[in-house]
C-alpha atoms as a PDB file:
ATOM      1  CA  MET A   1      -0.118  -0.096  -0.049  1.00  0.00           C
ATOM      2  CA  GLU A   2       0.954   3.612  -0.303  1.00  0.00           C
ATOM      3  CA  THR A   3      -0.391   6.748   1.401  1.00  0.00           C
ATOM      4  CA  ASN A   4      -0.002  10.019  -0.130  1.00  0.00           C
ATOM      5  CA  LYS A   5       1.206  12.120   2.459  1.00  0.00           C
ATOM      6  CA  LYS A   6      -0.422  15.321   1.721  1.00  0.00           C
ATOM      7  CA  ASN A   7      -4.007  13.807   1.811  1.00  0.00           C
ATOM      8  CA  SER A   8      -3.513  10.636   3.494  1.00  0.00           C
ATOM      9  CA  GLU A   9      -5.023   9.097   0.382  1.00  0.00           C
ATOM     10  CA  TYR A  10      -4.838   5.044   0.229  1.00  0.00           C
ATOM     11  CA  ILE A  11      -3.497   3.891  -2.929  1.00  0.00           C
ATOM     12  CA  PRO A  12      -3.161   0.216  -3.172  1.00  0.00           C
ATOM     13  CA  GLU A  13      -0.054  -1.246  -4.880  1.00  0.00           C
ATOM     14  CA  PHE A  14       0.808  -5.244  -6.159  1.00  0.00           C
ATOM     15  CA  GLU A  15       3.332  -6.440  -3.489  1.00  0.00           C
ATOM     16  CA  LYS A  16       6.121  -9.218  -4.743  1.00  0.00           C
ATOM     17  CA  ASP A  17       4.827 -11.587  -1.924  1.00  0.00           C
ATOM     18  CA  PHE A  18       1.418 -11.823  -3.855  1.00  0.00           C
ATOM     19  CA  ARG A  19       3.356 -14.197  -5.950  1.00  0.00           C
ATOM     20  CA  ARG A  20       3.939 -16.681  -3.010  1.00  0.00           C
ATOM     21  CA  PRO A  21       1.758 -20.160  -2.829  1.00  0.00           C
ATOM     22  CA  GLN A  22       0.106 -19.166   0.243  1.00  0.00           C
ATOM     23  CA  TYR A  23      -1.821 -16.249  -1.921  1.00  0.00           C
ATOM     24  CA  TRP A  24      -2.559 -18.768  -5.122  1.00  0.00           C
ATOM     25  CA  GLY A  25      -5.852 -19.801  -3.464  1.00  0.00           C
ATOM     26  CA  ALA A  26      -7.173 -16.168  -3.161  1.00  0.00           C
ATOM     27  CA  TRP A  27      -5.942 -15.345  -6.685  1.00  0.00           C
ATOM     28  CA  LEU A  28      -7.900 -18.458  -7.977  1.00  0.00           C
ATOM     29  CA  GLY A  29     -10.984 -17.093  -6.346  1.00  0.00           C
ATOM     30  CA  VAL A  30     -10.284 -13.695  -7.696  1.00  0.00           C
ATOM     31  CA  PHE A  31      -9.739 -14.895 -11.538  1.00  0.00           C
ATOM     32  CA  ALA A  32     -13.011 -17.623 -10.929  1.00  0.00           C
ATOM     33  CA  PHE A  33     -15.183 -14.658  -9.849  1.00  0.00           C
ATOM     34  CA  ALA A  34     -13.693 -12.058 -12.672  1.00  0.00           C
ATOM     35  CA  GLY A  35     -14.564 -14.803 -15.208  1.00  0.00           C
ATOM     36  CA  ALA A  36     -18.198 -15.190 -13.682  1.00  0.00           C
ATOM     37  CA  ALA A  37     -18.543 -11.591 -13.555  1.00  0.00           C
ATOM     38  CA  CYS A  38     -18.078 -11.534 -17.723  1.00  0.00           C
ATOM     39  CA  LEU A  39     -20.995 -13.719 -18.134  1.00  0.00           C
ATOM     40  CA  PRO A  40     -24.446 -12.761 -18.835  1.00  0.00           C
ATOM     41  CA  ALA A  41     -26.217 -11.567 -15.919  1.00  0.00           C
ATOM     42  CA  LYS A  42     -29.041 -13.976 -16.808  1.00  0.00           C
ATOM     43  CA  VAL A  43     -26.434 -16.712 -16.821  1.00  0.00           C
ATOM     44  CA  ARG A  44     -24.605 -16.026 -13.521  1.00  0.00           C
ATOM     45  CA  ASP A  45     -26.858 -14.571 -11.535  1.00  0.00           C
ATOM     46  CA  PRO A  46     -28.708 -18.028 -10.613  1.00  0.00           C
ATOM     47  CA  LEU A  47     -25.396 -19.902 -10.397  1.00  0.00           C
ATOM     48  CA  LEU A  48     -24.075 -17.099  -8.049  1.00  0.00           C
ATOM     49  CA  GLY A  49     -27.229 -17.077  -6.044  1.00  0.00           C
ATOM     50  CA  SER A  50     -26.920 -20.977  -5.328  1.00  0.00           C
ATOM     51  CA  LEU A  51     -23.191 -20.713  -4.466  1.00  0.00           C
ATOM     52  CA  GLY A  52     -23.966 -17.985  -2.155  1.00  0.00           C
ATOM     53  CA  ARG A  53     -26.951 -19.722  -0.314  1.00  0.00           C
ATOM     54  CA  LEU A  54     -24.642 -22.653   0.258  1.00  0.00           C
ATOM     55  CA  ALA A  55     -21.639 -20.488   1.379  1.00  0.00           C
ATOM     56  CA  GLY A  56     -24.563 -18.860   3.914  1.00  0.00           C
ATOM     57  CA  ARG A  57     -25.433 -22.156   5.062  1.00  0.00           C
ATOM     58  CA  LEU A  58     -21.785 -23.442   5.814  1.00  0.00           C
ATOM     59  CA  GLY A  59     -20.633 -20.156   7.445  1.00  0.00           C
ATOM     60  CA  LYS A  60     -21.860 -20.772  10.746  1.00  0.00           C
ATOM     61  CA  SER A  61     -20.355 -17.854  12.557  1.00  0.00           C
ATOM     62  CA  ALA A  62     -21.781 -15.056   9.863  1.00  0.00           C
ATOM     63  CA  ARG A  63     -24.952 -16.346   9.831  1.00  0.00           C
ATOM     64  CA  ARG A  64     -25.423 -16.470  13.617  1.00  0.00           C
ATOM     65  CA  ARG A  65     -24.826 -12.727  13.754  1.00  0.00           C
ATOM     66  CA  ALA A  66     -27.270 -12.292  10.981  1.00  0.00           C
ATOM     67  CA  GLN A  67     -29.975 -14.480  12.970  1.00  0.00           C
ATOM     68  CA  ILE A  68     -29.163 -12.682  16.210  1.00  0.00           C
ATOM     69  CA  ASN A  69     -29.310  -8.973  14.744  1.00  0.00           C
ATOM     70  CA  LEU A  70     -32.499  -9.899  12.966  1.00  0.00           C
ATOM     71  CA  ARG A  71     -33.821 -11.336  15.862  1.00  0.00           C
ATOM     72  CA  TYR A  72     -33.574  -8.162  17.665  1.00  0.00           C
ATOM     73  CA  CYS A  73     -34.499  -5.969  14.978  1.00  0.00           C
ATOM     74  CA  PHE A  74     -37.327  -7.814  13.973  1.00  0.00           C
ATOM     75  CA  PRO A  75     -38.655  -9.794  16.593  1.00  0.00           C
ATOM     76  CA  ASP A  76     -42.003  -9.994  15.419  1.00  0.00           C
ATOM     77  CA  LYS A  77     -40.518 -12.292  12.379  1.00  0.00           C
ATOM     78  CA  SER A  78     -40.859 -16.023  12.484  1.00  0.00           C
ATOM     79  CA  ASP A  79     -37.760 -18.296  12.518  1.00  0.00           C
ATOM     80  CA  ALA A  80     -38.986 -19.359   8.906  1.00  0.00           C
ATOM     81  CA  GLU A  81     -39.221 -15.568   8.180  1.00  0.00           C
ATOM     82  CA  VAL A  82     -35.420 -14.612   9.670  1.00  0.00           C
ATOM     83  CA  GLU A  83     -33.971 -17.674   7.612  1.00  0.00           C
ATOM     84  CA  SER A  84     -35.387 -16.466   4.460  1.00  0.00           C
ATOM     85  CA  ILE A  85     -34.126 -12.969   4.678  1.00  0.00           C
ATOM     86  CA  ILE A  86     -30.591 -14.210   5.300  1.00  0.00           C
ATOM     87  CA  ASP A  87     -30.870 -16.860   2.510  1.00  0.00           C
ATOM     88  CA  GLY A  88     -32.053 -14.178   0.498  1.00  0.00           C
ATOM     89  CA  MET A  89     -29.091 -11.854   1.680  1.00  0.00           C
ATOM     90  CA  TYR A  90     -26.417 -14.409   0.639  1.00  0.00           C
ATOM     91  CA  THR A  91     -28.095 -14.825  -2.801  1.00  0.00           C
ATOM     92  CA  THR A  92     -27.841 -11.116  -3.249  1.00  0.00           C
ATOM     93  CA  ALA A  93     -24.115 -10.635  -2.116  1.00  0.00           C
ATOM     94  CA  PRO A  94     -22.208 -12.386  -4.719  1.00  0.00           C
ATOM     95  CA  GLN A  95     -24.804 -11.198  -7.236  1.00  0.00           C
ATOM     96  CA  ALA A  96     -24.112  -7.469  -6.293  1.00  0.00           C
ATOM     97  CA  MET A  97     -20.702  -7.881  -6.443  1.00  0.00           C
ATOM     98  CA  ALA A  98     -20.532  -9.699  -9.715  1.00  0.00           C
ATOM     99  CA  MET A  99     -22.041  -6.352 -11.206  1.00  0.00           C
ATOM    100  CA  MET A 100     -19.177  -4.263  -9.594  1.00  0.00           C
ATOM    101  CA  ALA A 101     -16.557  -6.620 -10.846  1.00  0.00           C
ATOM    102  CA  GLU A 102     -18.311  -6.587 -14.452  1.00  0.00           C
ATOM    103  CA  LEU A 103     -18.538  -2.649 -13.996  1.00  0.00           C
ATOM    104  CA  ALA A 104     -14.601  -2.761 -13.292  1.00  0.00           C
ATOM    105  CA  ILE A 105     -14.047  -5.098 -16.148  1.00  0.00           C
ATOM    106  CA  ARG A 106     -15.892  -3.689 -19.115  1.00  0.00           C
ATOM    107  CA  GLY A 107     -16.907  -0.512 -18.245  1.00  0.00           C
ATOM    108  CA  PRO A 108     -20.233   1.498 -17.215  1.00  0.00           C
ATOM    109  CA  GLU A 109     -21.529   1.108 -21.006  1.00  0.00           C
ATOM    110  CA  LYS A 110     -22.194  -2.510 -20.406  1.00  0.00           C
ATOM    111  CA  ILE A 111     -24.191  -2.195 -16.954  1.00  0.00           C
ATOM    112  CA  LEU A 112     -26.066   1.321 -17.305  1.00  0.00           C
ATOM    113  CA  PRO A 113     -28.665   0.059 -19.553  1.00  0.00           C
ATOM    114  CA  ARG A 114     -29.514  -2.281 -16.110  1.00  0.00           C
ATOM    115  CA  VAL A 115     -29.383   0.882 -13.855  1.00  0.00           C
ATOM    116  CA  ASP A 116     -32.052   2.791 -12.584  1.00  0.00           C
ATOM    117  CA  TRP A 117     -32.093   6.307 -10.720  1.00  0.00           C
ATOM    118  CA  GLN A 118     -34.920   7.067  -8.459  1.00  0.00           C
ATOM    119  CA  GLY A 119     -34.351  10.465  -7.339  1.00  0.00           C
ATOM    120  CA  LYS A 120     -31.602  11.366  -9.516  1.00  0.00           C
ATOM    121  CA  GLU A 121     -32.923  14.640 -10.116  1.00  0.00           C
ATOM    122  CA  ILE A 122     -31.552  15.656  -6.732  1.00  0.00           C
ATOM    123  CA  ILE A 123     -28.205  14.927  -7.332  1.00  0.00           C
ATOM    124  CA  ASP A 124     -28.205  16.614 -10.825  1.00  0.00           C
ATOM    125  CA  GLU A 125     -29.275  19.622  -9.009  1.00  0.00           C
ATOM    126  CA  MET A 126     -26.679  19.822  -6.568  1.00  0.00           C
ATOM    127  CA  HIS A 127     -24.133  19.097  -9.256  1.00  0.00           C
ATOM    128  CA  GLU A 128     -25.264  21.980 -11.239  1.00  0.00           C
ATOM    129  CA  LYS A 129     -24.927  24.090  -8.323  1.00  0.00           C
ATOM    130  CA  GLY A 130     -21.421  23.006  -7.524  1.00  0.00           C
ATOM    131  CA  GLU A 131     -22.819  21.988  -4.119  1.00  0.00           C
ATOM    132  CA  ASN A 132     -20.752  19.824  -1.946  1.00  0.00           C
ATOM    133  CA  VAL A 133     -22.238  16.498  -0.838  1.00  0.00           C
ATOM    134  CA  ILE A 134     -21.764  13.633   1.380  1.00  0.00           C
ATOM    135  CA  PHE A 135     -23.783  10.534   0.662  1.00  0.00           C
ATOM    136  CA  LEU A 136     -25.365   8.753   3.734  1.00  0.00           C
ATOM    137  CA  VAL A 137     -25.097   4.938   2.294  1.00  0.00           C
ATOM    138  CA  PRO A 138     -26.259   2.155   4.665  1.00  0.00           C
ATOM    139  CA  HIS A 139     -24.302  -1.122   4.177  1.00  0.00           C
ATOM    140  CA  GLY A 140     -25.663  -2.627   1.264  1.00  0.00           C
ATOM    141  CA  TRP A 141     -24.090  -5.195  -1.208  1.00  0.00           C
ATOM    142  CA  GLY A 142     -23.938  -3.137  -3.996  1.00  0.00           C
ATOM    143  CA  VAL A 143     -22.553  -0.163  -1.684  1.00  0.00           C
ATOM    144  CA  ASP A 144     -19.439   0.508  -4.096  1.00  0.00           C
ATOM    145  CA  ILE A 145     -21.363   0.856  -7.156  1.00  0.00           C
ATOM    146  CA  PRO A 146     -23.315   3.887  -7.281  1.00  0.00           C
ATOM    147  CA  ALA A 147     -19.992   5.612  -6.316  1.00  0.00           C
ATOM    148  CA  MET A 148     -17.984   3.861  -9.095  1.00  0.00           C
ATOM    149  CA  LEU A 149     -20.648   4.903 -11.424  1.00  0.00           C
ATOM    150  CA  MET A 150     -20.503   8.652 -10.510  1.00  0.00           C
ATOM    151  CA  ALA A 151     -16.527   8.702 -10.865  1.00  0.00           C
ATOM    152  CA  SER A 152     -16.996   7.530 -14.068  1.00  0.00           C
ATOM    153  CA  GLN A 153     -18.959   9.912 -15.389  1.00  0.00           C
ATOM    154  CA  GLY A 154     -16.570  12.601 -14.180  1.00  0.00           C
ATOM    155  CA  GLN A 155     -17.559  13.316 -10.643  1.00  0.00           C
ATOM    156  CA  LYS A 156     -14.805  12.921  -7.919  1.00  0.00           C
ATOM    157  CA  MET A 157     -15.497  10.928  -5.303  1.00  0.00           C
ATOM    158  CA  ALA A 158     -14.060  10.165  -2.033  1.00  0.00           C
ATOM    159  CA  ALA A 159     -15.030   7.440   0.792  1.00  0.00           C
ATOM    160  CA  MET A 160     -13.472   5.786   4.040  1.00  0.00           C
ATOM    161  CA  PHE A 161     -13.023   2.282   4.255  1.00  0.00           C
ATOM    162  CA  HIS A 162     -11.691  -0.550   6.628  1.00  0.00           C
ATOM    163  CA  ASN A 163      -8.863  -2.952   5.220  1.00  0.00           C
ATOM    164  CA  GLN A 164      -9.780  -6.697   4.355  1.00  0.00           C
ATOM    165  CA  GLY A 165      -8.181  -9.397   6.334  1.00  0.00           C
ATOM    166  CA  ASN A 166      -6.689 -11.149   2.894  1.00  0.00           C
ATOM    167  CA  LYS A 167      -4.160  -8.530   1.576  1.00  0.00           C
ATOM    168  CA  VAL A 168      -4.746 -10.141  -2.190  1.00  0.00           C
ATOM    169  CA  PHE A 169      -8.587  -9.337  -1.382  1.00  0.00           C
ATOM    170  CA  ASP A 170      -7.687  -6.213  -0.047  1.00  0.00           C
ATOM    171  CA  TYR A 171      -5.617  -4.964  -2.961  1.00  0.00           C
ATOM    172  CA  VAL A 172      -8.137  -6.300  -5.418  1.00  0.00           C
ATOM    173  CA  TRP A 173     -11.148  -4.899  -3.741  1.00  0.00           C
ATOM    174  CA  ASN A 174      -9.548  -1.240  -3.422  1.00  0.00           C
ATOM    175  CA  THR A 175      -8.184  -1.386  -6.888  1.00  0.00           C
ATOM    176  CA  VAL A 176     -11.705  -2.225  -8.279  1.00  0.00           C
ATOM    177  CA  ARG A 177     -13.250   0.580  -5.823  1.00  0.00           C
ATOM    178  CA  ARG A 178     -10.500   3.368  -7.396  1.00  0.00           C
ATOM    179  CA  ARG A 179     -11.189   1.702 -11.195  1.00  0.00           C
ATOM    180  CA  PHE A 180     -12.483   5.403 -12.412  1.00  0.00           C
ATOM    181  CA  GLY A 181     -10.521   7.487  -9.872  1.00  0.00           C
ATOM    182  CA  GLY A 182     -11.541   9.135  -6.542  1.00  0.00           C
ATOM    183  CA  ARG A 183     -10.016   8.790  -3.139  1.00  0.00           C
ATOM    184  CA  LEU A 184      -9.948   6.391  -0.668  1.00  0.00           C
ATOM    185  CA  HIS A 185      -9.070   7.379   2.587  1.00  0.00           C
ATOM    186  CA  ALA A 186      -8.117   4.405   5.736  1.00  0.00           C
ATOM    187  CA  ARG A 187     -10.268   4.879   8.658  1.00  0.00           C
ATOM    188  CA  ASN A 188      -6.767   4.325  10.556  1.00  0.00           C
ATOM    189  CA  ASP A 189      -5.969   7.747   9.329  1.00  0.00           C
ATOM    190  CA  GLY A 190      -8.752   9.748  11.031  1.00  0.00           C
ATOM    191  CA  ILE A 191     -11.521  11.455   9.580  1.00  0.00           C
ATOM    192  CA  LYS A 192      -9.595  14.687   8.595  1.00  0.00           C
ATOM    193  CA  PRO A 193      -8.293  13.592   5.054  1.00  0.00           C
ATOM    194  CA  PHE A 194     -11.563  12.481   3.971  1.00  0.00           C
ATOM    195  CA  ILE A 195     -13.029  16.448   5.078  1.00  0.00           C
ATOM    196  CA  GLN A 196     -10.174  17.707   3.329  1.00  0.00           C
ATOM    197  CA  SER A 197     -11.253  16.046   0.269  1.00  0.00           C
ATOM    198  CA  VAL A 198     -15.019  16.866   0.337  1.00  0.00           C
ATOM    199  CA  ARG A 199     -14.089  20.491   1.101  1.00  0.00           C
ATOM    200  CA  GLN A 200     -11.912  20.253  -2.165  1.00  0.00           C
ATOM    201  CA  GLY A 201     -14.890  19.312  -4.200  1.00  0.00           C
ATOM    202  CA  TYR A 202     -15.080  15.521  -3.882  1.00  0.00           C
ATOM    203  CA  TRP A 203     -18.368  13.756  -3.092  1.00  0.00           C
ATOM    204  CA  GLY A 204     -18.131  11.977  -0.022  1.00  0.00           C
ATOM    205  CA  TYR A 205     -19.420   8.861   0.889  1.00  0.00           C
ATOM    206  CA  TYR A 206     -20.377   8.009   4.362  1.00  0.00           C
ATOM    207  CA  LEU A 207     -21.442   4.395   5.977  1.00  0.00           C
ATOM    208  CA  PRO A 208     -23.606   5.154   8.854  1.00  0.00           C
ATOM    209  CA  ASP A 209     -24.025   1.798  10.516  1.00  0.00           C
ATOM    210  CA  GLN A 210     -21.011   0.439  11.767  1.00  0.00           C
ATOM    211  CA  ASP A 211     -20.459   0.425  15.629  1.00  0.00           C
ATOM    212  CA  HIS A 212     -17.710   2.420  16.771  1.00  0.00           C
ATOM    213  CA  GLY A 213     -18.382   1.909  20.443  1.00  0.00           C
ATOM    214  CA  PRO A 214     -19.601   3.873  23.122  1.00  0.00           C
ATOM    215  CA  GLU A 215     -17.209   6.865  23.161  1.00  0.00           C
ATOM    216  CA  HIS A 216     -18.923   9.975  21.550  1.00  0.00           C
ATOM    217  CA  SER A 217     -21.869   7.448  20.570  1.00  0.00           C
ATOM    218  CA  GLU A 218     -25.623   8.067  21.408  1.00  0.00           C
ATOM    219  CA  PHE A 219     -27.966   4.956  22.127  1.00  0.00           C
ATOM    220  CA  VAL A 220     -31.103   5.607  19.678  1.00  0.00           C
ATOM    221  CA  ASP A 221     -33.539   3.516  18.018  1.00  0.00           C
ATOM    222  CA  PHE A 222     -32.716   1.008  15.534  1.00  0.00           C
ATOM    223  CA  PHE A 223     -35.604  -0.937  14.150  1.00  0.00           C
ATOM    224  CA  ALA A 224     -37.361  -2.517  17.425  1.00  0.00           C
ATOM    225  CA  THR A 225     -34.175  -2.244  19.274  1.00  0.00           C
ATOM    226  CA  TYR A 226     -31.407   0.396  19.931  1.00  0.00           C
ATOM    227  CA  LYS A 227     -27.868   0.864  18.461  1.00  0.00           C
ATOM    228  CA  ALA A 228     -24.777   2.941  19.462  1.00  0.00           C
ATOM    229  CA  THR A 229     -24.631   5.400  16.807  1.00  0.00           C
ATOM    230  CA  LEU A 230     -22.014   8.290  16.296  1.00  0.00           C
ATOM    231  CA  PRO A 231     -23.655  11.524  15.124  1.00  0.00           C
ATOM    232  CA  ALA A 232     -20.688  12.358  13.004  1.00  0.00           C
ATOM    233  CA  ILE A 233     -22.723  13.272   9.966  1.00  0.00           C
ATOM    234  CA  GLY A 234     -23.729  16.405  12.000  1.00  0.00           C
ATOM    235  CA  ARG A 235     -20.410  17.919  12.257  1.00  0.00           C
ATOM    236  CA  LEU A 236     -19.207  16.811   8.841  1.00  0.00           C
ATOM    237  CA  MET A 237     -22.023  18.556   7.143  1.00  0.00           C
ATOM    238  CA  LYS A 238     -20.896  21.641   8.810  1.00  0.00           C
ATOM    239  CA  VAL A 239     -17.072  21.547   8.846  1.00  0.00           C
ATOM    240  CA  CYS A 240     -17.552  20.367   5.096  1.00  0.00           C
ATOM    241  CA  ARG A 241     -20.072  22.819   4.134  1.00  0.00           C
ATOM    242  CA  ALA A 242     -22.056  19.931   2.491  1.00  0.00           C
ATOM    243  CA  ARG A 243     -25.661  18.622   2.136  1.00  0.00           C
ATOM    244  CA  VAL A 244     -26.105  15.094   3.328  1.00  0.00           C
ATOM    245  CA  VAL A 245     -28.102  12.743   0.913  1.00  0.00           C
ATOM    246  CA  PRO A 246     -29.116   9.557   1.653  1.00  0.00           C
ATOM    247  CA  LEU A 247     -28.377   6.459  -1.023  1.00  0.00           C
ATOM    248  CA  PHE A 248     -28.980   3.034  -1.174  1.00  0.00           C
ATOM    249  CA  PRO A 249     -28.114   0.225  -3.889  1.00  0.00           C
ATOM    250  CA  VAL A 250     -31.342  -2.598  -4.546  1.00  0.00           C
ATOM    251  CA  TYR A 251     -29.791  -5.700  -6.941  1.00  0.00           C
ATOM    252  CA  ASP A 252     -32.655  -7.686  -8.121  1.00  0.00           C
ATOM    253  CA  GLY A 253     -31.248 -11.035  -9.286  1.00  0.00           C
ATOM    254  CA  LYS A 254     -34.656 -12.110 -11.115  1.00  0.00           C
ATOM    255  CA  THR A 255     -34.325  -8.850 -13.152  1.00  0.00           C
ATOM    256  CA  HIS A 256     -30.691  -8.359 -12.908  1.00  0.00           C
ATOM    257  CA  ARG A 257     -31.072  -4.806 -12.679  1.00  0.00           C
ATOM    258  CA  LEU A 258     -29.859  -2.243  -9.879  1.00  0.00           C
ATOM    259  CA  THR A 259     -31.870   0.369  -8.631  1.00  0.00           C
ATOM    260  CA  ILE A 260     -30.281   3.165  -6.713  1.00  0.00           C
ATOM    261  CA  LEU A 261     -32.600   4.892  -4.315  1.00  0.00           C
ATOM    262  CA  VAL A 262     -31.656   8.531  -3.581  1.00  0.00           C
ATOM    263  CA  ARG A 263     -33.637  10.534  -0.824  1.00  0.00           C
ATOM    264  CA  PRO A 264     -34.080  14.304  -0.058  1.00  0.00           C
ATOM    265  CA  PRO A 265     -31.054  16.202   1.445  1.00  0.00           C
ATOM    266  CA  MET A 266     -30.958  15.979   5.191  1.00  0.00           C
ATOM    267  CA  ASP A 267     -30.804  19.756   5.982  1.00  0.00           C
ATOM    268  CA  ASP A 268     -32.738  19.508   8.959  1.00  0.00           C
ATOM    269  CA  LEU A 269     -30.028  18.263  10.408  1.00  0.00           C
ATOM    270  CA  LEU A 270     -28.141  21.522  10.431  1.00  0.00           C
ATOM    271  CA  GLU A 271     -29.423  22.696  13.857  1.00  0.00           C
ATOM    272  CA  ALA A 272     -30.232  19.014  15.682  1.00  0.00           C
ATOM    273  CA  ASP A 273     -28.528  17.935  18.782  1.00  0.00           C
ATOM    274  CA  ASP A 274     -26.462  14.746  18.548  1.00  0.00           C
ATOM    275  CA  HIS A 275     -29.388  12.661  19.966  1.00  0.00           C
ATOM    276  CA  THR A 276     -31.655  13.869  16.723  1.00  0.00           C
ATOM    277  CA  ILE A 277     -29.210  13.289  14.436  1.00  0.00           C
ATOM    278  CA  ALA A 278     -28.097   9.990  15.583  1.00  0.00           C
ATOM    279  CA  ARG A 279     -31.547   8.810  15.492  1.00  0.00           C
ATOM    280  CA  ARG A 280     -32.421  10.596  11.964  1.00  0.00           C
ATOM    281  CA  MET A 281     -29.305   8.492  10.734  1.00  0.00           C
ATOM    282  CA  ASN A 282     -31.087   5.162  11.627  1.00  0.00           C
ATOM    283  CA  GLU A 283     -34.353   5.949  10.447  1.00  0.00           C
ATOM    284  CA  GLU A 284     -32.830   6.833   7.121  1.00  0.00           C
ATOM    285  CA  VAL A 285     -31.206   2.947   7.140  1.00  0.00           C
ATOM    286  CA  GLU A 286     -34.760   1.530   8.255  1.00  0.00           C
ATOM    287  CA  ILE A 287     -36.886   3.592   5.411  1.00  0.00           C
ATOM    288  CA  PHE A 288     -34.079   2.058   2.954  1.00  0.00           C
ATOM    289  CA  VAL A 289     -33.640  -1.601   4.214  1.00  0.00           C
ATOM    290  CA  GLY A 290     -36.871  -1.902   5.560  1.00  0.00           C
ATOM    291  CA  PRO A 291     -38.704  -2.799   2.441  1.00  0.00           C
ATOM    292  CA  HIS A 292     -35.363  -4.425   1.191  1.00  0.00           C
ATOM    293  CA  PRO A 293     -33.726  -6.575   4.411  1.00  0.00           C
ATOM    294  CA  GLU A 294     -32.179  -8.754   1.950  1.00  0.00           C
ATOM    295  CA  GLN A 295     -29.886  -6.257   0.521  1.00  0.00           C
ATOM    296  CA  TYR A 296     -28.069  -5.436   3.847  1.00  0.00           C
ATOM    297  CA  THR A 297     -25.254  -6.782   5.585  1.00  0.00           C
ATOM    298  CA  TRP A 298     -26.638  -8.466   8.588  1.00  0.00           C
ATOM    299  CA  ILE A 299     -23.407 -10.192   9.262  1.00  0.00           C
ATOM    300  CA  LEU A 300     -21.951  -6.843  10.806  1.00  0.00           C
ATOM    301  CA  LYS A 301     -21.764  -6.878  14.492  1.00  0.00           C
ATOM    302  CA  LEU A 302     -24.263  -3.883  14.269  1.00  0.00           C
ATOM    303  CA  LEU A 303     -25.314  -4.336  18.155  1.00  0.00           C
ATOM    304  CA  LYS A 304     -21.958  -5.186  19.878  1.00  0.00           C
ATOM    305  CA  THR A 305     -22.150  -2.100  22.049  1.00  0.00           C
ATOM    306  CA  ARG A 306     -24.880  -2.228  24.616  1.00  0.00           C
ATOM    307  CA  LYS A 307     -26.123  -0.013  27.723  1.00  0.00           C
ATOM    308  CA  PRO A 308     -24.463  -1.109  30.894  1.00  0.00           C
ATOM    309  CA  GLY A 309     -25.926  -4.085  32.304  1.00  0.00           C
ATOM    310  CA  ASP A 310     -27.955  -5.297  29.034  1.00  0.00           C
ATOM    311  CA  ILE A 311     -27.312  -8.607  27.608  1.00  0.00           C
ATOM    312  CA  LYS A 312     -24.280  -8.910  24.876  1.00  0.00           C
ATOM    313  CA  PRO A 313     -26.222 -10.205  21.926  1.00  0.00           C
ATOM    314  CA  TYR A 314     -23.058 -12.133  20.329  1.00  0.00           C
ATOM    315  CA  LYS A 315     -22.091 -13.940  23.715  1.00  0.00           C
ATOM    316  CA  PRO A 316     -22.739 -17.682  23.535  1.00  0.00           C
ATOM    317  CA  SER A 317     -26.328 -18.376  24.805  1.00  0.00           C
ATOM    318  CA  GLU A 318     -28.383 -21.720  24.796  1.00  0.00           C
ATOM    319  CA  ARG A 319     -30.478 -20.483  21.347  1.00  0.00           C
ATOM    320  CA  TYR A 320     -27.345 -19.011  19.489  1.00  0.00           C
ATOM    321  CA  PRO A 321     -24.208 -21.371  20.746  1.00  0.00           C
ATOM    322  CA  GLU A 322     -20.812 -20.326  19.376  1.00  0.00           C
END
């Protein structure tokens, strides 16, 4: 990896060690997935969906986290409904990621006929006015595609990210993200480089639903439970002089199309307190994810931080053993 010292921009670099046998399996997976991405969507989506559901059955630990999250967020749903959402999630994940790979390999011209924008006039108006923008984007499986599409059309984009555990996957994934330009900022470098980029005219990409611990977070409603939510977007919109626009991608494996949902700017947060900001952030996640729960990454430890004295959801229990 290389980091540009002026703006702490992350630039993935190929390492000589990537040629070692220990990484051959990872490269095999990368090339196999790239090959699948080059197949027509109507051919690859059923295949990838089946493989995704199988992986979801084998990955016990990740499935357990998804079960716990859904049980807390949707207590009225039956076990069968929860399992159906999880199967749908594992079906959607590789299908959406294959569209992202197709976009990187074949270019935007090949996928634009299968992309629908709802609310694009909001983005177009802000582009015409030259306004600073930060997109509030819940963790969906196609989360990177809208940013890549906007970058391919000449809009400068900036985003923060966490490194992947596997160094080859990390290199390939972030190379794909930067395929059409833009800046990546590692979260380990703090938020200042991201702020600098947005103030320089890059449109920011901010994922609001990660658990950053109790410090500076607000405990606010999240579906039927609560969540430790960092109300950073309130500070960001002020220091970046930016408007915050909720956005969420939805991939349909049956029609092989991506719908990018765009909601009105959250201008009401300018004078709001931290608790209100955090709740509004979660509210936007609920509006997007509620009708499309299979699009969301329920495998994350979304509810890791709890109020003092409350049960830790991910600890082994009789219902959800380790």
